[in-house]
C-alpha atoms as a PDB file:
ATOM      1  CA  UNK A   1      -8.874  15.255 -28.460  1.00  0.00           C
ATOM      2  CA  UNK A   2      -6.542  16.745 -25.277  1.00  0.00           C
ATOM      3  CA  UNK A   3      -5.877  20.133 -26.051  1.00  0.00           C
ATOM      4  CA  UNK A   4      -3.111  21.726 -23.871  1.00  0.00           C
ATOM      5  CA  UNK A   5      -3.936  24.440 -22.110  1.00  0.00           C
ATOM      6  CA  UNK A   6      -0.278  25.056 -20.236  1.00  0.00           C
ATOM      7  CA  UNK A   7       3.599  26.557 -20.293  1.00  0.00           C
ATOM      8  CA  UNK A   8       6.146  24.369 -18.056  1.00  0.00           C
ATOM      9  CA  UNK A   9       9.574  25.768 -16.440  1.00  0.00           C
ATOM     10  CA  UNK A  10      11.778  22.268 -16.734  1.00  0.00           C
ATOM     11  CA  UNK A  11      13.301  23.216 -13.345  1.00  0.00           C
ATOM     12  CA  UNK A  12       9.682  22.553 -11.522  1.00  0.00           C
ATOM     13  CA  UNK A  13      10.130  18.237 -10.972  1.00  0.00           C
ATOM     14  CA  UNK A  14       7.208  16.342 -11.281  1.00  0.00           C
ATOM     15  CA  UNK A  15       8.067  13.002  -9.196  1.00  0.00           C
ATOM     16  CA  UNK A  16       5.104  10.042 -11.012  1.00  0.00           C
ATOM     17  CA  UNK A  17       7.028   6.850  -9.714  1.00  0.00           C
ATOM     18  CA  UNK A  18       5.361   6.216  -6.289  1.00  0.00           C
ATOM     19  CA  UNK A  19       3.162   8.093  -3.901  1.00  0.00           C
ATOM     20  CA  UNK A  20       6.237   7.241  -1.412  1.00  0.00           C
ATOM     21  CA  UNK A  21       8.386  10.801  -2.215  1.00  0.00           C
ATOM     22  CA  UNK A  22       5.929  12.927  -0.806  1.00  0.00           C
ATOM     23  CA  UNK A  23       7.743  15.384   2.130  1.00  0.00           C
ATOM     24  CA  UNK A  24       6.315  16.546   5.237  1.00  0.00           C
ATOM     25  CA  UNK A  25       4.488  20.130   4.645  1.00  0.00           C
ATOM     26  CA  UNK A  26       5.374  22.882   7.277  1.00  0.00           C
ATOM     27  CA  UNK A  27       2.222  22.300   9.131  1.00  0.00           C
ATOM     28  CA  UNK A  28       2.837  18.588   9.320  1.00  0.00           C
ATOM     29  CA  UNK A  29       6.359  20.021  10.704  1.00  0.00           C
ATOM     30  CA  UNK A  30       5.037  21.816  13.034  1.00  0.00           C
ATOM     31  CA  UNK A  31       2.996  19.030  14.580  1.00  0.00           C
ATOM     32  CA  UNK A  32       6.282  16.810  15.069  1.00  0.00           C
ATOM     33  CA  UNK A  33       8.015  19.320  16.731  1.00  0.00           C
ATOM     34  CA  UNK A  34       5.262  20.249  19.121  1.00  0.00           C
ATOM     35  CA  UNK A  35       4.418  16.178  20.071  1.00  0.00           C
ATOM     36  CA  UNK A  36       4.679  14.995  23.369  1.00  0.00           C
ATOM     37  CA  UNK A  37       7.066  12.342  23.583  1.00  0.00           C
ATOM     38  CA  UNK A  38       8.083   9.023  25.741  1.00  0.00           C
ATOM     39  CA  UNK A  39      10.287   6.018  25.688  1.00  0.00           C
ATOM     40  CA  UNK A  40       8.121   3.928  23.482  1.00  0.00           C
ATOM     41  CA  UNK A  41       9.608   0.843  23.981  1.00  0.00           C
ATOM     42  CA  UNK A  42       8.561   0.956  27.538  1.00  0.00           C
ATOM     43  CA  UNK A  43       5.100   2.080  26.178  1.00  0.00           C
ATOM     44  CA  UNK A  44       5.472   5.364  27.539  1.00  0.00           C
ATOM     45  CA  UNK A  45       5.061   7.559  24.455  1.00  0.00           C
ATOM     46  CA  UNK A  46       1.830   9.636  24.553  1.00  0.00           C
ATOM     47  CA  UNK A  47       1.611  10.233  20.702  1.00  0.00           C
ATOM     48  CA  UNK A  48       1.995   6.703  19.904  1.00  0.00           C
ATOM     49  CA  UNK A  49      -0.606   5.052  22.097  1.00  0.00           C
ATOM     50  CA  UNK A  50      -3.084   8.006  20.200  1.00  0.00           C
ATOM     51  CA  UNK A  51      -2.324   6.497  17.049  1.00  0.00           C
ATOM     52  CA  UNK A  52      -2.546   3.200  17.765  1.00  0.00           C
ATOM     53  CA  UNK A  53      -5.495   3.699  19.370  1.00  0.00           C
ATOM     54  CA  UNK A  54      -7.026   5.562  16.623  1.00  0.00           C
ATOM     55  CA  UNK A  55      -6.347   3.671  13.991  1.00  0.00           C
ATOM     56  CA  UNK A  56      -7.467   0.064  15.891  1.00  0.00           C
ATOM     57  CA  UNK A  57     -10.669   1.699  16.460  1.00  0.00           C
ATOM     58  CA  UNK A  58     -10.972   2.852  13.079  1.00  0.00           C
ATOM     59  CA  UNK A  59     -10.162  -0.707  11.461  1.00  0.00           C
ATOM     60  CA  UNK A  60     -12.440  -1.955  13.987  1.00  0.00           C
ATOM     61  CA  UNK A  61      -9.865  -3.548  15.823  1.00  0.00           C
ATOM     62  CA  UNK A  62      -8.825  -4.322  19.653  1.00  0.00           C
ATOM     63  CA  UNK A  63      -5.521  -2.550  19.411  1.00  0.00           C
ATOM     64  CA  UNK A  64      -2.741  -1.361  16.735  1.00  0.00           C
ATOM     65  CA  UNK A  65       1.333  -1.529  17.226  1.00  0.00           C
ATOM     66  CA  UNK A  66       3.490   1.383  14.876  1.00  0.00           C
ATOM     67  CA  UNK A  67       5.676  -0.052  13.212  1.00  0.00           C
ATOM     68  CA  UNK A  68       8.946   2.047  10.636  1.00  0.00           C
ATOM     69  CA  UNK A  69       7.350  -0.127   7.718  1.00  0.00           C
ATOM     70  CA  UNK A  70       5.019  -1.565   5.738  1.00  0.00           C
ATOM     71  CA  UNK A  71       7.229  -4.288   5.081  1.00  0.00           C
ATOM     72  CA  UNK A  72       8.101  -4.866   8.881  1.00  0.00           C
ATOM     73  CA  UNK A  73       4.078  -4.913   9.518  1.00  0.00           C
ATOM     74  CA  UNK A  74       3.456  -7.576   7.380  1.00  0.00           C
ATOM     75  CA  UNK A  75       5.994  -9.711   8.047  1.00  0.00           C
ATOM     76  CA  UNK A  76       5.587  -9.647  12.041  1.00  0.00           C
ATOM     77  CA  UNK A  77       2.289 -10.123  10.840  1.00  0.00           C
ATOM     78  CA  UNK A  78       3.147 -13.330   8.626  1.00  0.00           C
ATOM     79  CA  UNK A  79       5.097 -14.442  12.045  1.00  0.00           C
ATOM     80  CA  UNK A  80       2.682 -14.020  14.610  1.00  0.00           C
ATOM     81  CA  UNK A  81       0.052 -16.139  12.432  1.00  0.00           C
ATOM     82  CA  UNK A  82       2.596 -18.746  11.394  1.00  0.00           C
ATOM     83  CA  UNK A  83       5.645 -21.005  12.712  1.00  0.00           C
ATOM     84  CA  UNK A  84       8.779 -21.735  10.952  1.00  0.00           C
ATOM     85  CA  UNK A  85       7.669 -24.200   8.411  1.00  0.00           C
ATOM     86  CA  UNK A  86       4.552 -23.461   8.034  1.00  0.00           C
ATOM     87  CA  UNK A  87       2.430 -22.224   4.603  1.00  0.00           C
ATOM     88  CA  UNK A  88       1.302 -19.332   3.306  1.00  0.00           C
ATOM     89  CA  UNK A  89      -1.216 -18.625   0.255  1.00  0.00           C
ATOM     90  CA  UNK A  90      -0.146 -15.200  -0.716  1.00  0.00           C
ATOM     91  CA  UNK A  91      -1.304 -13.739  -4.378  1.00  0.00           C
ATOM     92  CA  UNK A  92       1.578 -14.450  -7.092  1.00  0.00           C
ATOM     93  CA  UNK A  93       2.324 -10.071  -7.407  1.00  0.00           C
ATOM     94  CA  UNK A  94       1.399  -9.087  -4.049  1.00  0.00           C
ATOM     95  CA  UNK A  95       3.789  -6.873  -2.117  1.00  0.00           C
ATOM     96  CA  UNK A  96       4.604  -9.517   0.835  1.00  0.00           C
ATOM     97  CA  UNK A  97       5.833 -12.378  -1.908  1.00  0.00           C
ATOM     98  CA  UNK A  98       7.668 -10.294  -4.554  1.00  0.00           C
ATOM     99  CA  UNK A  99       8.410  -6.633  -3.514  1.00  0.00           C
ATOM    100  CA  UNK A 100       9.466  -7.702   0.776  1.00  0.00           C
ATOM    101  CA  UNK A 101      13.124  -9.097  -0.042  1.00  0.00           C
ATOM    102  CA  UNK A 102      11.957 -12.496   0.831  1.00  0.00           C
ATOM    103  CA  UNK A 103      11.569 -11.440   4.091  1.00  0.00           C
ATOM    104  CA  UNK A 104       8.666 -14.541   5.158  1.00  0.00           C
ATOM    105  CA  UNK A 105      11.222 -16.830   4.210  1.00  0.00           C
ATOM    106  CA  UNK A 106      14.734 -15.685   5.035  1.00  0.00           C
ATOM    107  CA  UNK A 107      13.190 -14.160   7.993  1.00  0.00           C
ATOM    108  CA  UNK A 108      10.385 -15.960   8.889  1.00  0.00           C
ATOM    109  CA  UNK A 109      11.129 -19.337   8.011  1.00  0.00           C
ATOM    110  CA  UNK A 110       7.390 -19.734   6.442  1.00  0.00           C
ATOM    111  CA  UNK A 111       6.880 -20.880   2.844  1.00  0.00           C
ATOM    112  CA  UNK A 112       5.053 -19.262   0.963  1.00  0.00           C
ATOM    113  CA  UNK A 113       2.809 -20.346  -1.913  1.00  0.00           C
ATOM    114  CA  UNK A 114       2.082 -17.675  -4.865  1.00  0.00           C
ATOM    115  CA  UNK A 115      -1.019 -18.150  -6.438  1.00  0.00           C
ATOM    116  CA  UNK A 116      -1.386 -16.255 -10.181  1.00  0.00           C
ATOM    117  CA  UNK A 117      -3.780 -13.158  -9.772  1.00  0.00           C
ATOM    118  CA  UNK A 118      -6.432 -12.229 -11.778  1.00  0.00           C
ATOM    119  CA  UNK A 119      -7.194  -9.170 -13.977  1.00  0.00           C
ATOM    120  CA  UNK A 120      -8.117  -7.049 -11.229  1.00  0.00           C
ATOM    121  CA  UNK A 121      -5.799  -8.462  -8.881  1.00  0.00           C
ATOM    122  CA  UNK A 122      -7.422 -10.485  -6.733  1.00  0.00           C
ATOM    123  CA  UNK A 123      -7.712 -14.324  -5.453  1.00  0.00           C
ATOM    124  CA  UNK A 124     -10.553 -16.500  -5.899  1.00  0.00           C
ATOM    125  CA  UNK A 125     -12.216 -18.422  -3.852  1.00  0.00           C
ATOM    126  CA  UNK A 126     -11.418 -21.530  -5.661  1.00  0.00           C
ATOM    127  CA  UNK A 127      -8.109 -21.073  -5.738  1.00  0.00           C
ATOM    128  CA  UNK A 128      -7.502 -20.775  -2.040  1.00  0.00           C
ATOM    129  CA  UNK A 129      -9.624 -23.882  -1.769  1.00  0.00           C
ATOM    130  CA  UNK A 130      -7.519 -26.061  -4.052  1.00  0.00           C
ATOM    131  CA  UNK A 131      -3.928 -24.785  -2.404  1.00  0.00           C
ATOM    132  CA  UNK A 132      -4.315 -26.420   0.842  1.00  0.00           C
ATOM    133  CA  UNK A 133      -3.035 -29.002   0.978  1.00  0.00           C
ATOM    134  CA  UNK A 134      -3.654 -32.422   2.785  1.00  0.00           C
ATOM    135  CA  UNK A 135      -2.499 -32.760   6.278  1.00  0.00           C
ATOM    136  CA  UNK A 136       0.014 -35.339   5.698  1.00  0.00           C
ATOM    137  CA  UNK A 137       3.691 -35.602   6.614  1.00  0.00           C
ATOM    138  CA  UNK A 138       4.830 -34.501   3.159  1.00  0.00           C
ATOM    139  CA  UNK A 139       3.405 -31.548   3.217  1.00  0.00           C
ATOM    140  CA  UNK A 140       3.847 -27.865   4.698  1.00  0.00           C
ATOM    141  CA  UNK A 141       0.916 -26.725   6.953  1.00  0.00           C
ATOM    142  CA  UNK A 142      -1.303 -23.995   5.246  1.00  0.00           C
ATOM    143  CA  UNK A 143      -1.702 -21.243   8.752  1.00  0.00           C
ATOM    144  CA  UNK A 144      -1.802 -18.350   6.829  1.00  0.00           C
ATOM    145  CA  UNK A 145      -4.086 -16.695   3.390  1.00  0.00           C
ATOM    146  CA  UNK A 146      -2.051 -13.103   2.790  1.00  0.00           C
ATOM    147  CA  UNK A 147      -3.712 -10.720   0.740  1.00  0.00           C
ATOM    148  CA  UNK A 148      -3.700  -7.127  -0.269  1.00  0.00           C
ATOM    149  CA  UNK A 149      -6.437  -3.865  -0.982  1.00  0.00           C
ATOM    150  CA  UNK A 150      -5.671  -1.791  -3.561  1.00  0.00           C
ATOM    151  CA  UNK A 151      -3.664  -4.391  -5.739  1.00  0.00           C
ATOM    152  CA  UNK A 152      -1.753  -1.671  -8.396  1.00  0.00           C
ATOM    153  CA  UNK A 153      -4.333   0.874  -7.708  1.00  0.00           C
ATOM    154  CA  UNK A 154      -7.503  -1.763  -8.201  1.00  0.00           C
ATOM    155  CA  UNK A 155     -10.067  -2.119  -5.053  1.00  0.00           C
ATOM    156  CA  UNK A 156     -10.988  -5.809  -3.869  1.00  0.00           C
ATOM    157  CA  UNK A 157     -14.075  -5.318  -3.214  1.00  0.00           C
ATOM    158  CA  UNK A 158     -15.482  -6.114   0.969  1.00  0.00           C
ATOM    159  CA  UNK A 159     -17.978  -9.206  -0.223  1.00  0.00           C
ATOM    160  CA  UNK A 160     -15.244 -10.381  -1.940  1.00  0.00           C
ATOM    161  CA  UNK A 161     -12.575 -10.045   0.823  1.00  0.00           C
ATOM    162  CA  UNK A 162     -15.144 -11.733   3.376  1.00  0.00           C
ATOM    163  CA  UNK A 163     -16.137 -14.731   0.706  1.00  0.00           C
ATOM    164  CA  UNK A 164     -11.965 -15.572   0.848  1.00  0.00           C
ATOM    165  CA  UNK A 165     -12.141 -14.957   4.830  1.00  0.00           C
ATOM    166  CA  UNK A 166     -14.933 -17.041   5.339  1.00  0.00           C
ATOM    167  CA  UNK A 167     -13.065 -20.147   3.533  1.00  0.00           C
ATOM    168  CA  UNK A 168      -9.908 -19.832   5.473  1.00  0.00           C
ATOM    169  CA  UNK A 169     -12.016 -19.930   8.155  1.00  0.00           C
ATOM    170  CA  UNK A 170     -13.796 -22.722   7.336  1.00  0.00           C
ATOM    171  CA  UNK A 171      -9.854 -24.439   6.080  1.00  0.00           C
ATOM    172  CA  UNK A 172      -8.404 -23.154   9.934  1.00  0.00           C
ATOM    173  CA  UNK A 173      -6.300 -20.450   8.523  1.00  0.00           C
ATOM    174  CA  UNK A 174      -6.273 -16.809   9.980  1.00  0.00           C
ATOM    175  CA  UNK A 175      -6.085 -13.642   7.245  1.00  0.00           C
ATOM    176  CA  UNK A 176      -3.772 -11.190   7.427  1.00  0.00           C
ATOM    177  CA  UNK A 177      -4.338  -8.451   4.723  1.00  0.00           C
ATOM    178  CA  UNK A 178      -1.668  -5.563   3.373  1.00  0.00           C
ATOM    179  CA  UNK A 179      -3.127  -2.894   3.665  1.00  0.00           C
ATOM    180  CA  UNK A 180      -1.137  -0.214   2.895  1.00  0.00           C
ATOM    181  CA  UNK A 181      -3.300   1.589  -0.075  1.00  0.00           C
ATOM    182  CA  UNK A 182      -6.536   0.875   1.847  1.00  0.00           C
ATOM    183  CA  UNK A 183      -7.030   4.072   2.310  1.00  0.00           C
ATOM    184  CA  UNK A 184      -7.483   5.100  -1.322  1.00  0.00           C
ATOM    185  CA  UNK A 185     -10.294   2.277  -0.954  1.00  0.00           C
ATOM    186  CA  UNK A 186     -11.676   3.586   1.801  1.00  0.00           C
ATOM    187  CA  UNK A 187     -12.553   6.775  -0.187  1.00  0.00           C
ATOM    188  CA  UNK A 188     -13.188   5.703  -3.428  1.00  0.00           C
ATOM    189  CA  UNK A 189     -15.835   3.221  -1.864  1.00  0.00           C
ATOM    190  CA  UNK A 190     -16.950   5.375   0.398  1.00  0.00           C
ATOM    191  CA  UNK A 191     -17.064   2.998   3.319  1.00  0.00           C
ATOM    192  CA  UNK A 192     -15.425   3.532   6.634  1.00  0.00           C
ATOM    193  CA  UNK A 193     -12.273   1.337   6.857  1.00  0.00           C
ATOM    194  CA  UNK A 194     -13.864  -0.773   9.567  1.00  0.00           C
ATOM    195  CA  UNK A 195     -16.243  -2.537   7.154  1.00  0.00           C
ATOM    196  CA  UNK A 196     -12.816  -3.065   4.531  1.00  0.00           C
ATOM    197  CA  UNK A 197     -11.427  -4.615   7.418  1.00  0.00           C
ATOM    198  CA  UNK A 198     -14.357  -6.523   8.735  1.00  0.00           C
ATOM    199  CA  UNK A 199     -13.522 -10.208   8.143  1.00  0.00           C
ATOM    200  CA  UNK A 200      -9.827 -10.170   8.774  1.00  0.00           C
ATOM    201  CA  UNK A 201      -7.475 -11.660  11.293  1.00  0.00           C
ATOM    202  CA  UNK A 202      -4.571  -8.477  10.919  1.00  0.00           C
ATOM    203  CA  UNK A 203      -4.577  -5.668   8.759  1.00  0.00           C
ATOM    204  CA  UNK A 204      -1.289  -3.548   8.285  1.00  0.00           C
ATOM    205  CA  UNK A 205      -1.579   0.386   7.148  1.00  0.00           C
ATOM    206  CA  UNK A 206       0.987   2.634   5.937  1.00  0.00           C
ATOM    207  CA  UNK A 207       0.931   6.182   6.601  1.00  0.00           C
ATOM    208  CA  UNK A 208       3.992   6.632   4.174  1.00  0.00           C
ATOM    209  CA  UNK A 209       1.961   6.435   0.853  1.00  0.00           C
ATOM    210  CA  UNK A 210      -1.009   7.888   0.315  1.00  0.00           C
ATOM    211  CA  UNK A 211      -1.271  10.499   2.868  1.00  0.00           C
ATOM    212  CA  UNK A 212       2.078  11.856   3.467  1.00  0.00           C
ATOM    213  CA  UNK A 213       3.987  10.732   6.456  1.00  0.00           C
ATOM    214  CA  UNK A 214       7.347  10.519   5.524  1.00  0.00           C
ATOM    215  CA  UNK A 215       7.967   6.680   7.877  1.00  0.00           C
ATOM    216  CA  UNK A 216       5.978   4.622   9.622  1.00  0.00           C
ATOM    217  CA  UNK A 217       2.640   1.918   9.354  1.00  0.00           C
ATOM    218  CA  UNK A 218       0.636   0.578  12.014  1.00  0.00           C
ATOM    219  CA  UNK A 219      -0.181  -3.309  12.091  1.00  0.00           C
ATOM    220  CA  UNK A 220      -3.743  -3.782  14.176  1.00  0.00           C
ATOM    221  CA  UNK A 221      -5.565  -7.034  15.287  1.00  0.00           C
ATOM    222  CA  UNK A 222      -6.441  -8.872  18.777  1.00  0.00           C
ATOM    223  CA  UNK A 223      -5.086  -7.474  21.453  1.00  0.00           C
ATOM    224  CA  UNK A 224      -3.056 -11.139  22.090  1.00  0.00           C
ATOM    225  CA  UNK A 225      -1.777 -10.436  18.678  1.00  0.00           C
ATOM    226  CA  UNK A 226      -0.843  -7.371  19.573  1.00  0.00           C
ATOM    227  CA  UNK A 227       0.879  -8.443  22.530  1.00  0.00           C
ATOM    228  CA  UNK A 228       2.831 -11.244  20.287  1.00  0.00           C
ATOM    229  CA  UNK A 229       3.562  -8.255  17.708  1.00  0.00           C
ATOM    230  CA  UNK A 230       5.424  -6.182  20.193  1.00  0.00           C
ATOM    231  CA  UNK A 231       7.962  -8.773  20.890  1.00  0.00           C
ATOM    232  CA  UNK A 232       8.644  -9.708  16.941  1.00  0.00           C
ATOM    233  CA  UNK A 233       8.797  -6.084  16.474  1.00  0.00           C
ATOM    234  CA  UNK A 234      11.504  -5.699  18.921  1.00  0.00           C
ATOM    235  CA  UNK A 235      13.248  -8.735  17.785  1.00  0.00           C
ATOM    236  CA  UNK A 236      13.494  -7.363  14.210  1.00  0.00           C
ATOM    237  CA  UNK A 237      14.966  -4.053  15.560  1.00  0.00           C
ATOM    238  CA  UNK A 238      11.344  -1.736  14.962  1.00  0.00           C
ATOM    239  CA  UNK A 239      11.181  -0.823  18.856  1.00  0.00           C
ATOM    240  CA  UNK A 240      11.472   2.659  18.771  1.00  0.00           C
ATOM    241  CA  UNK A 241      12.185   5.060  21.749  1.00  0.00           C
ATOM    242  CA  UNK A 242      10.423   8.808  21.523  1.00  0.00           C
ATOM    243  CA  UNK A 243       8.819   8.046  18.624  1.00  0.00           C
ATOM    244  CA  UNK A 244       6.003  11.036  18.998  1.00  0.00           C
ATOM    245  CA  UNK A 245       7.566  13.019  16.205  1.00  0.00           C
ATOM    246  CA  UNK A 246       6.422  10.659  13.703  1.00  0.00           C
ATOM    247  CA  UNK A 247       3.674   9.843  15.581  1.00  0.00           C
ATOM    248  CA  UNK A 248       2.237  12.861  15.164  1.00  0.00           C
ATOM    249  CA  UNK A 249       2.555  12.793  11.748  1.00  0.00           C
ATOM    250  CA  UNK A 250       0.658   9.832  11.257  1.00  0.00           C
ATOM    251  CA  UNK A 251      -2.030  12.152  13.255  1.00  0.00           C
ATOM    252  CA  UNK A 252      -1.663  14.872  11.497  1.00  0.00           C
ATOM    253  CA  UNK A 253      -2.158  12.868   8.418  1.00  0.00           C
ATOM    254  CA  UNK A 254      -5.877  11.186   9.265  1.00  0.00           C
ATOM    255  CA  UNK A 255      -6.729  14.680   9.862  1.00  0.00           C
ATOM    256  CA  UNK A 256      -5.962  16.649   7.174  1.00  0.00           C
ATOM    257  CA  UNK A 257      -5.115  13.591   4.245  1.00  0.00           C
ATOM    258  CA  UNK A 258      -7.385  11.753   4.086  1.00  0.00           C
ATOM    259  CA  UNK A 259     -10.483  13.030   2.526  1.00  0.00           C
ATOM    260  CA  UNK A 260      -8.070  14.904  -0.624  1.00  0.00           C
ATOM    261  CA  UNK A 261      -7.229  11.343  -1.659  1.00  0.00           C
ATOM    262  CA  UNK A 262     -10.080  11.489  -3.559  1.00  0.00           C
ATOM    263  CA  UNK A 263      -7.918  14.023  -5.563  1.00  0.00           C
ATOM    264  CA  UNK A 264      -5.623  12.410  -6.218  1.00  0.00           C
ATOM    265  CA  UNK A 265      -7.985   9.818  -7.689  1.00  0.00           C
ATOM    266  CA  UNK A 266      -9.330  12.539 -10.369  1.00  0.00           C
ATOM    267  CA  UNK A 267      -6.116  13.246 -11.082  1.00  0.00           C
ATOM    268  CA  UNK A 268      -5.207   9.581 -12.163  1.00  0.00           C
ATOM    269  CA  UNK A 269      -8.492   9.763 -14.025  1.00  0.00           C
ATOM    270  CA  UNK A 270      -7.254  13.364 -15.901  1.00  0.00           C
ATOM    271  CA  UNK A 271      -4.589  12.007 -16.537  1.00  0.00           C
ATOM    272  CA  UNK A 272      -5.616   8.402 -18.207  1.00  0.00           C
ATOM    273  CA  UNK A 273      -8.078  10.364 -19.906  1.00  0.00           C
ATOM    274  CA  UNK A 274      -5.929  12.273 -21.205  1.00  0.00           C
ATOM    275  CA  UNK A 275      -3.239  10.515 -22.925  1.00  0.00           C
ATOM    276  CA  UNK A 276      -6.389   7.670 -23.946  1.00  0.00           C
ATOM    277  CA  UNK A 277      -6.842   8.659 -27.797  1.00  0.00           C
ATOM    278  CA  UNK A 278      -2.515   7.836 -28.768  1.00  0.00           C
ATOM    279  CA  UNK A 279      -1.543   5.079 -30.979  1.00  0.00           C
ATOM    280  CA  UNK A 280       1.532   3.860 -29.895  1.00  0.00           C
ATOM    281  CA  UNK A 281      -0.073   3.412 -25.954  1.00  0.00           C
ATOM    282  CA  UNK A 282      -2.639   1.808 -24.045  1.00  0.00           C
ATOM    283  CA  UNK A 283      -3.629   2.988 -21.213  1.00  0.00           C
ATOM    284  CA  UNK A 284      -4.535   0.708 -17.976  1.00  0.00           C
ATOM    285  CA  UNK A 285      -6.515   3.363 -15.457  1.00  0.00           C
ATOM    286  CA  UNK A 286      -6.888   1.940 -11.729  1.00  0.00           C
ATOM    287  CA  UNK A 287      -9.519   2.251  -9.115  1.00  0.00           C
ATOM    288  CA  UNK A 288      -7.823   4.557  -7.551  1.00  0.00           C
ATOM    289  CA  UNK A 289      -4.039   7.051  -7.693  1.00  0.00           C
ATOM    290  CA  UNK A 290      -2.317   4.492 -10.491  1.00  0.00           C
ATOM    291  CA  UNK A 291      -2.281   3.734 -13.332  1.00  0.00           C
ATOM    292  CA  UNK A 292       0.497   2.174 -16.337  1.00  0.00           C
ATOM    293  CA  UNK A 293       1.226   3.176 -19.696  1.00  0.00           C
ATOM    294  CA  UNK A 294       2.168  -0.190 -21.901  1.00  0.00           C
ATOM    295  CA  UNK A 295       3.851   1.414 -24.430  1.00  0.00           C
ATOM    296  CA  UNK A 296       5.552  -0.369 -27.396  1.00  0.00           C
ATOM    297  CA  UNK A 297       8.724  -2.331 -26.539  1.00  0.00           C
ATOM    298  CA  UNK A 298      10.816   0.489 -29.126  1.00  0.00           C
ATOM    299  CA  UNK A 299       9.074   2.983 -26.877  1.00  0.00           C
ATOM    300  CA  UNK A 300       9.540   2.449 -23.279  1.00  0.00           C
ATOM    301  CA  UNK A 301      12.950   3.541 -22.474  1.00  0.00           C
ATOM    302  CA  UNK A 302      13.386   6.036 -25.031  1.00  0.00           C
ATOM    303  CA  UNK A 303       9.538   7.501 -23.466  1.00  0.00           C
ATOM    304  CA  UNK A 304      10.620   7.227 -19.741  1.00  0.00           C
ATOM    305  CA  UNK A 305      13.792   9.212 -21.210  1.00  0.00           C
ATOM    306  CA  UNK A 306      11.909  11.585 -23.034  1.00  0.00           C
ATOM    307  CA  UNK A 307       9.985  12.591 -19.666  1.00  0.00           C
ATOM    308  CA  UNK A 308      12.768  12.587 -17.502  1.00  0.00           C
ATOM    309  CA  UNK A 309      14.488  15.317 -19.680  1.00  0.00           C
ATOM    310  CA  UNK A 310      11.298  17.623 -19.059  1.00  0.00           C
ATOM    311  CA  UNK A 311      11.725  16.927 -15.318  1.00  0.00           C
ATOM    312  CA  UNK A 312       9.001  13.909 -15.150  1.00  0.00           C
ATOM    313  CA  UNK A 313       9.836  10.777 -13.075  1.00  0.00           C
ATOM    314  CA  UNK A 314       7.698   7.795 -14.033  1.00  0.00           C
ATOM    315  CA  UNK A 315       8.338   3.988 -12.929  1.00  0.00           C
ATOM    316  CA  UNK A 316      11.387   2.015 -14.801  1.00  0.00           C
ATOM    317  CA  UNK A 317      10.663   1.444 -18.140  1.00  0.00           C
ATOM    318  CA  UNK A 318       9.147  -2.002 -18.377  1.00  0.00           C
ATOM    319  CA  UNK A 319       6.362  -2.865 -20.315  1.00  0.00           C
ATOM    320  CA  UNK A 320       3.635  -1.362 -17.971  1.00  0.00           C
ATOM    321  CA  UNK A 321       5.106   1.792 -16.997  1.00  0.00           C
ATOM    322  CA  UNK A 322       4.182   2.498 -13.892  1.00  0.00           C
ATOM    323  CA  UNK A 323       2.143   6.141 -12.623  1.00  0.00           C
ATOM    324  CA  UNK A 324       1.382   7.440  -9.386  1.00  0.00           C
ATOM    325  CA  UNK A 325      -0.552  10.388  -8.214  1.00  0.00           C
ATOM    326  CA  UNK A 326      -0.408  11.973  -4.606  1.00  0.00           C
ATOM    327  CA  UNK A 327      -0.463  15.166  -2.473  1.00  0.00           C
ATOM    328  CA  UNK A 328       2.567  17.061  -4.637  1.00  0.00           C
ATOM    329  CA  UNK A 329       1.178  16.369  -7.308  1.00  0.00           C
ATOM    330  CA  UNK A 330      -1.239  19.642  -9.071  1.00  0.00           C
ATOM    331  CA  UNK A 331      -3.348  19.201 -11.606  1.00  0.00           C
ATOM    332  CA  UNK A 332      -1.543  21.837 -13.307  1.00  0.00           C
ATOM    333  CA  UNK A 333       1.546  18.690 -12.938  1.00  0.00           C
ATOM    334  CA  UNK A 334      -1.027  16.377 -15.066  1.00  0.00           C
ATOM    335  CA  UNK A 335      -1.713  18.680 -17.438  1.00  0.00           C
ATOM    336  CA  UNK A 336       1.853  19.238 -18.076  1.00  0.00           C
ATOM    337  CA  UNK A 337       2.323  15.091 -17.869  1.00  0.00           C
ATOM    338  CA  UNK A 338       0.217  14.936 -20.515  1.00  0.00           C
ATOM    339  CA  UNK A 339       2.023  17.452 -22.588  1.00  0.00           C
ATOM    340  CA  UNK A 340       4.936  16.062 -22.749  1.00  0.00           C
ATOM    341  CA  UNK A 341       3.685  12.701 -23.232  1.00  0.00           C
ATOM    342  CA  UNK A 342       1.959  13.802 -26.490  1.00  0.00           C
ATOM    343  CA  UNK A 343       5.054  15.618 -27.411  1.00  0.00           C
ATOM    344  CA  UNK A 344       6.795  12.048 -27.593  1.00  0.00           C
ATOM    345  CA  UNK A 345       4.165  10.936 -29.391  1.00  0.00           C
ATOM    346  CA  UNK A 346       3.972  13.918 -32.065  1.00  0.00           C
END
């Protein structure tokens, strides 16, 4: 049974909606102000070049491209791998299919073939094989397998990713991975990023989620792939000028905020454990910094409103209410959240 040990002021807001809500600390703002910059569209921003090289090296890939967002990074990758009318095989609940405004079809002219994922958010080798259509005039031809890691806080094992990549390669498909939160998988598993990306053709990593930078992602791949990606970035309006002020935040985040992701994971576990014995609430913990609360239907909206009334923000009142820990959430915040949720069920 959880024992409360905290009192709190409701003036302090605890924002658990996403790990995108973090704000730059004073030290990060200082490196922004001091960043050496140039015109990045001309390839002359040294801080951007340093960030791209750093992330590409960590991923074990030849080159990187700094882009404004993960959504744009994924769209660029898909447009590099596929021509208009080609097909991408993707998980039915992955961000590239569900949460990126349909850009893959509307902008890229690429046809998604969404497959149901398993309880861990993964696809099977058998599913991918069965989804690849014969090369006839009737069908859009699959050119790409689009994966994700983590998926709703669940780690996709590198061995399984390797198997999917082998299957794709055997059938002439490239593989792109949306690694918006792959840093969390890296820290939780205690392995280098390059091990998680060793079988991939391209990888997108986000700097503005768990790492706490205000904006930006890096797309990694072979040098010729990144050359093509830079052209598509320009087409999509993603060319930035003196972007070193943003890239400096990414470099700072890699230096100072990477290892501390383990604290976010510990906070998520603590929250899950503190709520585990509530009868009318089912807790679905993830492997990293996410968990989901499955409340009975009459409790969903009132529970979210109760939390908001105490200055605690969570995901919308769906069947599974998402909670995400991040660097602006402390152990005291976790204890306070447990207390307020338990108060609702008393």
